[in-house]
Amino acid sequence: MQVRFVKMIQFSRQFKAGDRQREFNFRKLNSPDSGAFSVNVSDERGNRILFTMEKKETEWKIMPAQLPQWILISESNLHGVIEEELSKNDQFQSRM
């Protein structure tokens, strides 16, 4: 019997989105083969905004949703953050 362990990937990053510094929280969705992250961030009133990003070919894209413009404009930054974290995770896995 073969046992397959899947490391849960969860991280937070702060960067400027819109007119302010914001903390984005990322969590890779359960399947190791799926290319999807759940992302959440607070708005000005402290409400959580939840959305999903999926890998389409080589880019991480925000899935269609009614989101504030400052999130949509930050899509390339979100892509870069996810790629950076995944490359760190791959380096960690190769050392094991």
N, C-alpha and C. Protein backbone atom coordinates (compact mmCIF):
# COMPACT_ATOMS: atom_id res chain seq x y z
N MET A 1 0.84 -1.18 0.00
CA MET A 1 0.00 0.00 0.00
C MET A 1 0.89 1.24 0.00
N GLN A 2 0.58 2.15 -0.86
CA GLN A 2 1.34 3.38 -0.97
C GLN A 2 0.60 4.51 -0.25
N VAL A 3 1.31 5.20 0.63
CA VAL A 3 0.73 6.32 1.35
C VAL A 3 1.29 7.60 0.75
N ARG A 4 0.41 8.51 0.44
CA ARG A 4 0.82 9.78 -0.16
C ARG A 4 0.53 10.91 0.81
N PHE A 5 1.57 11.61 1.20
CA PHE A 5 1.42 12.75 2.10
C PHE A 5 1.39 14.03 1.29
N VAL A 6 0.47 14.89 1.62
CA VAL A 6 0.35 16.17 0.94
C VAL A 6 0.53 17.26 1.98
N LYS A 7 1.55 18.08 1.78
CA LYS A 7 1.81 19.18 2.70
C LYS A 7 0.78 20.29 2.46
N MET A 8 0.19 20.75 3.55
CA MET A 8 -0.75 21.87 3.44
C MET A 8 0.05 23.16 3.27
N ILE A 9 -0.33 23.95 2.32
CA ILE A 9 0.35 25.21 2.07
C ILE A 9 -0.58 26.34 2.48
N GLN A 10 -0.11 27.13 3.45
CA GLN A 10 -0.89 28.25 3.96
C GLN A 10 0.10 29.34 4.35
N PHE A 11 -0.14 30.58 3.90
CA PHE A 11 0.78 31.66 4.19
C PHE A 11 0.08 33.00 4.07
N SER A 12 0.70 34.04 4.58
CA SER A 12 0.18 35.42 4.51
C SER A 12 1.27 36.32 3.97
N ARG A 13 0.88 37.33 3.22
CA ARG A 13 1.81 38.34 2.72
C ARG A 13 1.14 39.70 2.80
N GLN A 14 1.97 40.71 3.08
CA GLN A 14 1.48 42.09 3.09
C GLN A 14 2.09 42.83 1.90
N PHE A 15 1.26 43.56 1.19
CA PHE A 15 1.74 44.46 0.15
C PHE A 15 0.68 45.51 -0.11
N LYS A 16 1.08 46.55 -0.82
CA LYS A 16 0.17 47.65 -1.08
C LYS A 16 -0.82 47.25 -2.18
N ALA A 17 -2.09 47.37 -1.86
CA ALA A 17 -3.16 47.10 -2.81
C ALA A 17 -4.13 48.26 -2.72
N GLY A 18 -4.36 48.89 -3.83
CA GLY A 18 -5.19 50.10 -3.79
C GLY A 18 -4.38 51.21 -3.14
N ASP A 19 -4.94 51.83 -2.14
CA ASP A 19 -4.26 52.96 -1.50
C ASP A 19 -3.65 52.62 -0.15
N ARG A 20 -3.68 51.34 0.26
CA ARG A 20 -3.17 50.99 1.58
C ARG A 20 -2.45 49.64 1.59
N GLN A 21 -1.69 49.46 2.65
CA GLN A 21 -1.01 48.19 2.90
C GLN A 21 -2.05 47.19 3.41
N ARG A 22 -2.08 46.00 2.81
CA ARG A 22 -3.08 45.01 3.20
C ARG A 22 -2.42 43.65 3.38
N GLU A 23 -3.01 42.84 4.25
CA GLU A 23 -2.52 41.48 4.46
C GLU A 23 -3.44 40.50 3.74
N PHE A 24 -2.85 39.75 2.82
CA PHE A 24 -3.57 38.72 2.07
C PHE A 24 -3.20 37.36 2.66
N ASN A 25 -4.20 36.52 2.90
CA ASN A 25 -4.00 35.17 3.44
C ASN A 25 -4.32 34.17 2.34
N PHE A 26 -3.41 33.22 2.13
CA PHE A 26 -3.53 32.24 1.06
C PHE A 26 -3.59 30.85 1.66
N ARG A 27 -4.41 29.97 1.05
CA ARG A 27 -4.46 28.56 1.45
C ARG A 27 -4.69 27.72 0.21
N LYS A 28 -3.77 26.79 -0.03
CA LYS A 28 -3.91 25.89 -1.18
C LYS A 28 -5.07 24.96 -0.91
N LEU A 29 -5.94 24.82 -1.89
CA LEU A 29 -7.11 23.96 -1.71
C LEU A 29 -6.70 22.50 -1.73
N ASN A 30 -7.48 21.65 -1.10
CA ASN A 30 -7.14 20.30 -0.67
C ASN A 30 -6.44 19.39 -1.66
N SER A 31 -6.79 19.36 -2.89
CA SER A 31 -6.20 18.41 -3.82
C SER A 31 -4.80 18.84 -4.24
N PRO A 32 -3.82 17.93 -4.16
CA PRO A 32 -2.46 18.30 -4.56
C PRO A 32 -2.35 18.56 -6.06
N ASP A 33 -3.27 18.00 -6.83
CA ASP A 33 -3.22 18.17 -8.28
C ASP A 33 -3.96 19.40 -8.77
N SER A 34 -4.82 19.97 -7.93
CA SER A 34 -5.57 21.14 -8.36
C SER A 34 -4.70 22.37 -8.22
N GLY A 35 -4.84 23.26 -9.15
CA GLY A 35 -4.10 24.51 -9.10
C GLY A 35 -5.00 25.61 -8.61
N ALA A 36 -5.35 25.60 -7.32
CA ALA A 36 -6.26 26.62 -6.81
C ALA A 36 -5.87 27.04 -5.40
N PHE A 37 -6.01 28.33 -5.14
CA PHE A 37 -5.78 28.89 -3.81
C PHE A 37 -7.02 29.65 -3.39
N SER A 38 -7.35 29.54 -2.11
CA SER A 38 -8.37 30.38 -1.50
C SER A 38 -7.62 31.58 -0.93
N VAL A 39 -8.12 32.78 -1.20
CA VAL A 39 -7.45 34.01 -0.74
C VAL A 39 -8.47 34.84 0.01
N ASN A 40 -8.02 35.47 1.12
CA ASN A 40 -8.90 36.40 1.82
C ASN A 40 -8.12 37.61 2.27
N VAL A 41 -8.83 38.74 2.37
CA VAL A 41 -8.24 40.02 2.75
C VAL A 41 -9.35 40.86 3.38
N SER A 42 -8.96 41.78 4.25
CA SER A 42 -9.94 42.68 4.87
C SER A 42 -10.10 43.94 4.06
N ASP A 43 -11.33 44.46 4.03
CA ASP A 43 -11.55 45.76 3.40
C ASP A 43 -11.40 46.86 4.45
N GLU A 44 -11.75 48.09 4.09
CA GLU A 44 -11.58 49.23 5.00
C GLU A 44 -12.41 49.11 6.26
N ARG A 45 -13.54 48.42 6.19
CA ARG A 45 -14.43 48.28 7.35
C ARG A 45 -14.12 47.04 8.20
N GLY A 46 -13.12 46.26 7.78
CA GLY A 46 -12.77 45.06 8.52
C GLY A 46 -13.51 43.81 8.07
N ASN A 47 -14.33 43.94 7.03
CA ASN A 47 -15.04 42.78 6.48
C ASN A 47 -14.07 41.94 5.66
N ARG A 48 -14.19 40.61 5.75
CA ARG A 48 -13.34 39.71 4.98
C ARG A 48 -13.88 39.56 3.57
N ILE A 49 -12.98 39.67 2.60
CA ILE A 49 -13.32 39.43 1.21
C ILE A 49 -12.64 38.11 0.83
N LEU A 50 -13.42 37.15 0.38
CA LEU A 50 -12.93 35.83 0.02
C LEU A 50 -13.04 35.63 -1.49
N PHE A 51 -11.99 35.07 -2.09
CA PHE A 51 -12.04 34.75 -3.51
C PHE A 51 -11.06 33.62 -3.80
N THR A 52 -11.14 33.07 -4.99
CA THR A 52 -10.30 31.96 -5.40
C THR A 52 -9.42 32.38 -6.57
N MET A 53 -8.20 31.87 -6.56
CA MET A 53 -7.30 32.06 -7.70
C MET A 53 -6.96 30.68 -8.25
N GLU A 54 -7.05 30.54 -9.57
CA GLU A 54 -6.73 29.27 -10.23
C GLU A 54 -5.63 29.50 -11.25
N LYS A 55 -4.85 28.45 -11.44
CA LYS A 55 -3.77 28.54 -12.43
C LYS A 55 -4.33 28.22 -13.80
N LYS A 56 -4.25 29.17 -14.68
CA LYS A 56 -4.68 29.04 -16.08
C LYS A 56 -3.43 29.14 -16.94
N GLU A 57 -3.02 28.00 -17.50
CA GLU A 57 -1.78 27.88 -18.26
C GLU A 57 -0.60 28.24 -17.37
N THR A 58 -0.03 29.42 -17.48
CA THR A 58 1.14 29.77 -16.66
C THR A 58 0.87 30.88 -15.66
N GLU A 59 -0.34 31.41 -15.64
CA GLU A 59 -0.67 32.55 -14.78
C GLU A 59 -1.73 32.19 -13.74
N TRP A 60 -1.60 32.74 -12.54
CA TRP A 60 -2.63 32.63 -11.52
C TRP A 60 -3.64 33.73 -11.76
N LYS A 61 -4.90 33.34 -11.94
CA LYS A 61 -5.97 34.29 -12.28
C LYS A 61 -7.06 34.28 -11.21
N ILE A 62 -7.62 35.45 -10.94
CA ILE A 62 -8.76 35.57 -10.04
C ILE A 62 -9.98 35.01 -10.75
N MET A 63 -10.68 34.12 -10.07
CA MET A 63 -11.89 33.54 -10.65
C MET A 63 -12.99 34.59 -10.67
N PRO A 64 -13.85 34.53 -11.65
CA PRO A 64 -14.90 35.55 -11.78
C PRO A 64 -15.67 35.76 -10.48
N ALA A 65 -15.67 36.96 -10.04
CA ALA A 65 -16.38 37.33 -8.81
C ALA A 65 -16.56 38.84 -8.80
N GLN A 66 -17.51 39.29 -8.03
CA GLN A 66 -17.71 40.72 -7.84
C GLN A 66 -16.73 41.16 -6.76
N LEU A 67 -15.61 41.72 -7.17
CA LEU A 67 -14.57 42.13 -6.23
C LEU A 67 -14.26 43.61 -6.41
N PRO A 68 -13.77 44.24 -5.34
CA PRO A 68 -13.35 45.64 -5.46
C PRO A 68 -12.22 45.78 -6.50
N GLN A 69 -12.17 46.91 -7.12
CA GLN A 69 -11.18 47.18 -8.16
C GLN A 69 -9.75 47.03 -7.65
N TRP A 70 -9.49 47.41 -6.38
CA TRP A 70 -8.12 47.32 -5.85
C TRP A 70 -7.63 45.88 -5.78
N ILE A 71 -8.52 44.91 -5.68
CA ILE A 71 -8.10 43.50 -5.72
C ILE A 71 -7.80 43.09 -7.16
N LEU A 72 -8.68 43.45 -8.08
CA LEU A 72 -8.47 43.09 -9.48
C LEU A 72 -7.18 43.67 -10.04
N ILE A 73 -6.86 44.89 -9.65
CA ILE A 73 -5.63 45.53 -10.10
C ILE A 73 -4.40 44.82 -9.53
N SER A 74 -4.54 44.19 -8.38
CA SER A 74 -3.43 43.51 -7.70
C SER A 74 -3.20 42.08 -8.18
N GLU A 75 -3.90 41.65 -9.22
CA GLU A 75 -3.80 40.25 -9.67
C GLU A 75 -2.36 39.83 -9.98
N SER A 76 -1.59 40.68 -10.63
CA SER A 76 -0.20 40.30 -10.95
C SER A 76 0.66 40.17 -9.69
N ASN A 77 0.41 41.03 -8.69
CA ASN A 77 1.13 40.91 -7.42
C ASN A 77 0.77 39.59 -6.73
N LEU A 78 -0.51 39.24 -6.75
CA LEU A 78 -0.96 37.99 -6.14
C LEU A 78 -0.32 36.80 -6.85
N HIS A 79 -0.24 36.86 -8.17
CA HIS A 79 0.42 35.80 -8.95
C HIS A 79 1.87 35.63 -8.49
N GLY A 80 2.59 36.74 -8.37
CA GLY A 80 3.99 36.69 -7.96
C GLY A 80 4.18 36.10 -6.57
N VAL A 81 3.31 36.46 -5.64
CA VAL A 81 3.39 35.95 -4.27
C VAL A 81 3.18 34.44 -4.25
N ILE A 82 2.19 33.96 -4.98
CA ILE A 82 1.92 32.51 -5.02
C ILE A 82 3.10 31.77 -5.63
N GLU A 83 3.62 32.25 -6.74
CA GLU A 83 4.76 31.60 -7.39
C GLU A 83 5.98 31.56 -6.47
N GLU A 84 6.23 32.66 -5.77
CA GLU A 84 7.36 32.72 -4.84
C GLU A 84 7.22 31.67 -3.74
N GLU A 85 6.03 31.58 -3.16
CA GLU A 85 5.81 30.62 -2.07
C GLU A 85 5.90 29.19 -2.58
N LEU A 86 5.36 28.91 -3.75
CA LEU A 86 5.44 27.55 -4.30
C LEU A 86 6.87 27.16 -4.61
N SER A 87 7.69 28.10 -5.08
CA SER A 87 9.10 27.77 -5.35
C SER A 87 9.85 27.50 -4.04
N LYS A 88 9.54 28.25 -2.98
CA LYS A 88 10.14 27.97 -1.66
C LYS A 88 9.73 26.58 -1.19
N ASN A 89 8.47 26.23 -1.38
CA ASN A 89 7.95 24.94 -0.96
C ASN A 89 8.62 23.81 -1.74
N ASP A 90 8.83 24.00 -3.06
CA ASP A 90 9.51 23.00 -3.87
C ASP A 90 10.95 22.79 -3.42
N GLN A 91 11.64 23.88 -3.05
CA GLN A 91 13.01 23.77 -2.55
C GLN A 91 13.04 22.99 -1.25
N PHE A 92 12.07 23.22 -0.38
CA PHE A 92 11.98 22.51 0.88
C PHE A 92 11.74 21.02 0.64
N GLN A 93 10.84 20.69 -0.28
CA GLN A 93 10.52 19.30 -0.58
C GLN A 93 11.72 18.58 -1.15
N SER A 94 12.52 19.25 -1.99
CA SER A 94 13.68 18.59 -2.60
C SER A 94 14.79 18.31 -1.58
N ARG A 95 14.84 19.05 -0.49
CA ARG A 95 15.84 18.81 0.55
C ARG A 95 15.49 17.63 1.44
N MET A 96 14.23 17.23 1.43
CA MET A 96 13.79 16.14 2.31
C MET A 96 14.16 14.79 1.74
